[in-house]
Amino acid sequence: MPTSNTKMARIETRVSTEKKQLIERAAAYQGCSVSEFVIANAEQAAKAVIEEHEQLKLTRAQSLALVEVLLSTRQPNKRLRDAAVRHRKEVERR
């Protein structure tokens, strides 16, 4: 339940009669209102999409390769050093 400090926003959409009846039926099975059903399922879907796009999932071989690279003591090459110098100059200029 929203607290008194929580701002509420409204979402409106149009659906076919068939989709509305389907949603109403599903909400009834879960014992909640259509709004509660839509919000809960939209939130769950949104979180899944965000997780899919914001998490990096590696295989075991990829994980081991990443750790090996991170732990290696290789020195930065000339291109990387030059890029760092350009970046530093750009940041200092601001």
C-alpha atoms as a PDB file:
ATOM      1  CA  MET A   1       0.000   0.000   0.000  1.00  0.00           C
ATOM      2  CA  PRO A   2       1.415   3.439  -0.881  1.00  0.00           C
ATOM      3  CA  THR A   3       2.579   5.616   1.958  1.00  0.00           C
ATOM      4  CA  SER A   4       1.402   9.207   2.328  1.00  0.00           C
ATOM      5  CA  ASN A   5       4.716  10.351   0.777  1.00  0.00           C
ATOM      6  CA  THR A   6       4.321   8.165  -2.323  1.00  0.00           C
ATOM      7  CA  LYS A   7       3.162   9.963  -5.439  1.00  0.00           C
ATOM      8  CA  MET A   8       0.694   8.030  -7.524  1.00  0.00           C
ATOM      9  CA  ALA A   9       0.719   8.049 -11.318  1.00  0.00           C
ATOM     10  CA  ARG A  10      -1.960   6.877 -13.689  1.00  0.00           C
ATOM     11  CA  ILE A  11      -1.556   4.492 -16.618  1.00  0.00           C
ATOM     12  CA  GLU A  12      -4.364   4.140 -19.112  1.00  0.00           C
ATOM     13  CA  THR A  13      -4.698   1.730 -21.995  1.00  0.00           C
ATOM     14  CA  ARG A  14      -7.294   0.397 -24.387  1.00  0.00           C
ATOM     15  CA  VAL A  15      -7.732  -3.312 -25.010  1.00  0.00           C
ATOM     16  CA  SER A  16     -10.150  -5.418 -26.985  1.00  0.00           C
ATOM     17  CA  THR A  17     -13.221  -6.744 -25.219  1.00  0.00           C
ATOM     18  CA  GLU A  18     -11.778 -10.249 -25.407  1.00  0.00           C
ATOM     19  CA  LYS A  19      -8.522  -9.202 -23.732  1.00  0.00           C
ATOM     20  CA  LYS A  20     -10.394  -7.307 -21.028  1.00  0.00           C
ATOM     21  CA  GLN A  21     -12.538 -10.359 -20.280  1.00  0.00           C
ATOM     22  CA  LEU A  22      -9.433 -12.548 -20.160  1.00  0.00           C
ATOM     23  CA  ILE A  23      -7.729 -10.186 -17.708  1.00  0.00           C
ATOM     24  CA  GLU A  24     -10.876  -9.940 -15.565  1.00  0.00           C
ATOM     25  CA  ARG A  25     -11.104 -13.738 -15.455  1.00  0.00           C
ATOM     26  CA  ALA A  26      -7.459 -14.122 -14.432  1.00  0.00           C
ATOM     27  CA  ALA A  27      -7.811 -11.401 -11.779  1.00  0.00           C
ATOM     28  CA  ALA A  28     -10.879 -13.165 -10.387  1.00  0.00           C
ATOM     29  CA  TYR A  29      -8.954 -16.441 -10.118  1.00  0.00           C
ATOM     30  CA  GLN A  30      -6.281 -14.635  -8.114  1.00  0.00           C
ATOM     31  CA  GLY A  31      -8.846 -12.843  -5.960  1.00  0.00           C
ATOM     32  CA  CYS A  32      -7.683  -9.346  -6.844  1.00  0.00           C
ATOM     33  CA  SER A  33      -8.933  -6.374  -8.796  1.00  0.00           C
ATOM     34  CA  VAL A  34      -8.150  -5.911 -12.467  1.00  0.00           C
ATOM     35  CA  SER A  35      -5.921  -2.961 -11.555  1.00  0.00           C
ATOM     36  CA  GLU A  36      -3.981  -5.000  -9.004  1.00  0.00           C
ATOM     37  CA  PHE A  37      -3.625  -7.866 -11.466  1.00  0.00           C
ATOM     38  CA  VAL A  38      -2.445  -5.630 -14.312  1.00  0.00           C
ATOM     39  CA  ILE A  39       0.012  -3.693 -12.134  1.00  0.00           C
ATOM     40  CA  ALA A  40       1.501  -6.825 -10.532  1.00  0.00           C
ATOM     41  CA  ASN A  41       1.986  -8.551 -13.869  1.00  0.00           C
ATOM     42  CA  ALA A  42       3.247  -5.448 -15.657  1.00  0.00           C
ATOM     43  CA  GLU A  43       5.755  -4.877 -12.856  1.00  0.00           C
ATOM     44  CA  GLN A  44       6.933  -8.489 -13.019  1.00  0.00           C
ATOM     45  CA  ALA A  45       7.321  -8.274 -16.813  1.00  0.00           C
ATOM     46  CA  ALA A  46       9.145  -4.934 -16.568  1.00  0.00           C
ATOM     47  CA  LYS A  47      11.606  -6.317 -14.010  1.00  0.00           C
ATOM     48  CA  ALA A  48      12.279  -9.353 -16.229  1.00  0.00           C
ATOM     49  CA  VAL A  49      12.969  -7.177 -19.274  1.00  0.00           C
ATOM     50  CA  ILE A  50      15.253  -4.861 -17.291  1.00  0.00           C
ATOM     51  CA  GLU A  51      17.142  -7.812 -15.803  1.00  0.00           C
ATOM     52  CA  GLU A  52      17.570  -9.345 -19.256  1.00  0.00           C
ATOM     53  CA  HIS A  53      19.085  -6.142 -20.605  1.00  0.00           C
ATOM     54  CA  GLU A  54      21.116  -5.011 -17.594  1.00  0.00           C
ATOM     55  CA  GLN A  55      22.704  -8.249 -16.407  1.00  0.00           C
ATOM     56  CA  LEU A  56      25.661  -9.870 -18.049  1.00  0.00           C
ATOM     57  CA  LYS A  57      25.430 -13.641 -18.038  1.00  0.00           C
ATOM     58  CA  LEU A  58      28.560 -15.608 -18.770  1.00  0.00           C
ATOM     59  CA  THR A  59      29.217 -19.275 -19.274  1.00  0.00           C
ATOM     60  CA  ARG A  60      31.746 -20.949 -16.996  1.00  0.00           C
ATOM     61  CA  ALA A  61      34.412 -20.676 -19.702  1.00  0.00           C
ATOM     62  CA  GLN A  62      33.651 -16.988 -20.239  1.00  0.00           C
ATOM     63  CA  SER A  63      33.771 -16.348 -16.483  1.00  0.00           C
ATOM     64  CA  LEU A  64      37.155 -18.038 -16.189  1.00  0.00           C
ATOM     65  CA  ALA A  65      38.490 -16.063 -19.175  1.00  0.00           C
ATOM     66  CA  LEU A  66      37.265 -12.799 -17.633  1.00  0.00           C
ATOM     67  CA  VAL A  67      38.874 -13.570 -14.270  1.00  0.00           C
ATOM     68  CA  GLU A  68      42.120 -14.510 -16.003  1.00  0.00           C
ATOM     69  CA  VAL A  69      42.202 -11.196 -17.874  1.00  0.00           C
ATOM     70  CA  LEU A  70      41.335  -9.203 -14.757  1.00  0.00           C
ATOM     71  CA  LEU A  71      44.032 -10.883 -12.716  1.00  0.00           C
ATOM     72  CA  SER A  72      46.755 -10.663 -15.368  1.00  0.00           C
ATOM     73  CA  THR A  73      49.522  -8.139 -14.782  1.00  0.00           C
ATOM     74  CA  ARG A  74      49.784  -6.938 -18.383  1.00  0.00           C
ATOM     75  CA  GLN A  75      50.801  -3.333 -18.855  1.00  0.00           C
ATOM     76  CA  PRO A  76      48.558  -0.941 -20.824  1.00  0.00           C
ATOM     77  CA  ASN A  77      49.560  -0.585 -24.468  1.00  0.00           C
ATOM     78  CA  LYS A  78      50.263   2.726 -26.225  1.00  0.00           C
ATOM     79  CA  ARG A  79      46.676   3.135 -27.485  1.00  0.00           C
ATOM     80  CA  LEU A  80      45.283   2.749 -23.974  1.00  0.00           C
ATOM     81  CA  ARG A  81      47.843   5.169 -22.495  1.00  0.00           C
ATOM     82  CA  ASP A  82      47.065   7.712 -25.237  1.00  0.00           C
ATOM     83  CA  ALA A  83      43.332   7.329 -24.594  1.00  0.00           C
ATOM     84  CA  ALA A  84      43.893   7.933 -20.870  1.00  0.00           C
ATOM     85  CA  VAL A  85      45.841  11.112 -21.636  1.00  0.00           C
ATOM     86  CA  ARG A  86      43.075  12.376 -23.961  1.00  0.00           C
ATOM     87  CA  HIS A  87      40.448  11.571 -21.358  1.00  0.00           C
ATOM     88  CA  ARG A  88      42.369  13.341 -18.607  1.00  0.00           C
ATOM     89  CA  LYS A  89      42.766  16.467 -20.780  1.00  0.00           C
ATOM     90  CA  GLU A  90      39.047  16.430 -21.639  1.00  0.00           C
ATOM     91  CA  VAL A  91      37.998  16.074 -17.995  1.00  0.00           C
ATOM     92  CA  GLU A  92      40.361  18.820 -16.816  1.00  0.00           C
ATOM     93  CA  ARG A  93      39.053  21.174 -19.508  1.00  0.00           C
ATOM     94  CA  ARG A  94      35.504  21.025 -18.089  1.00  0.00           C
END
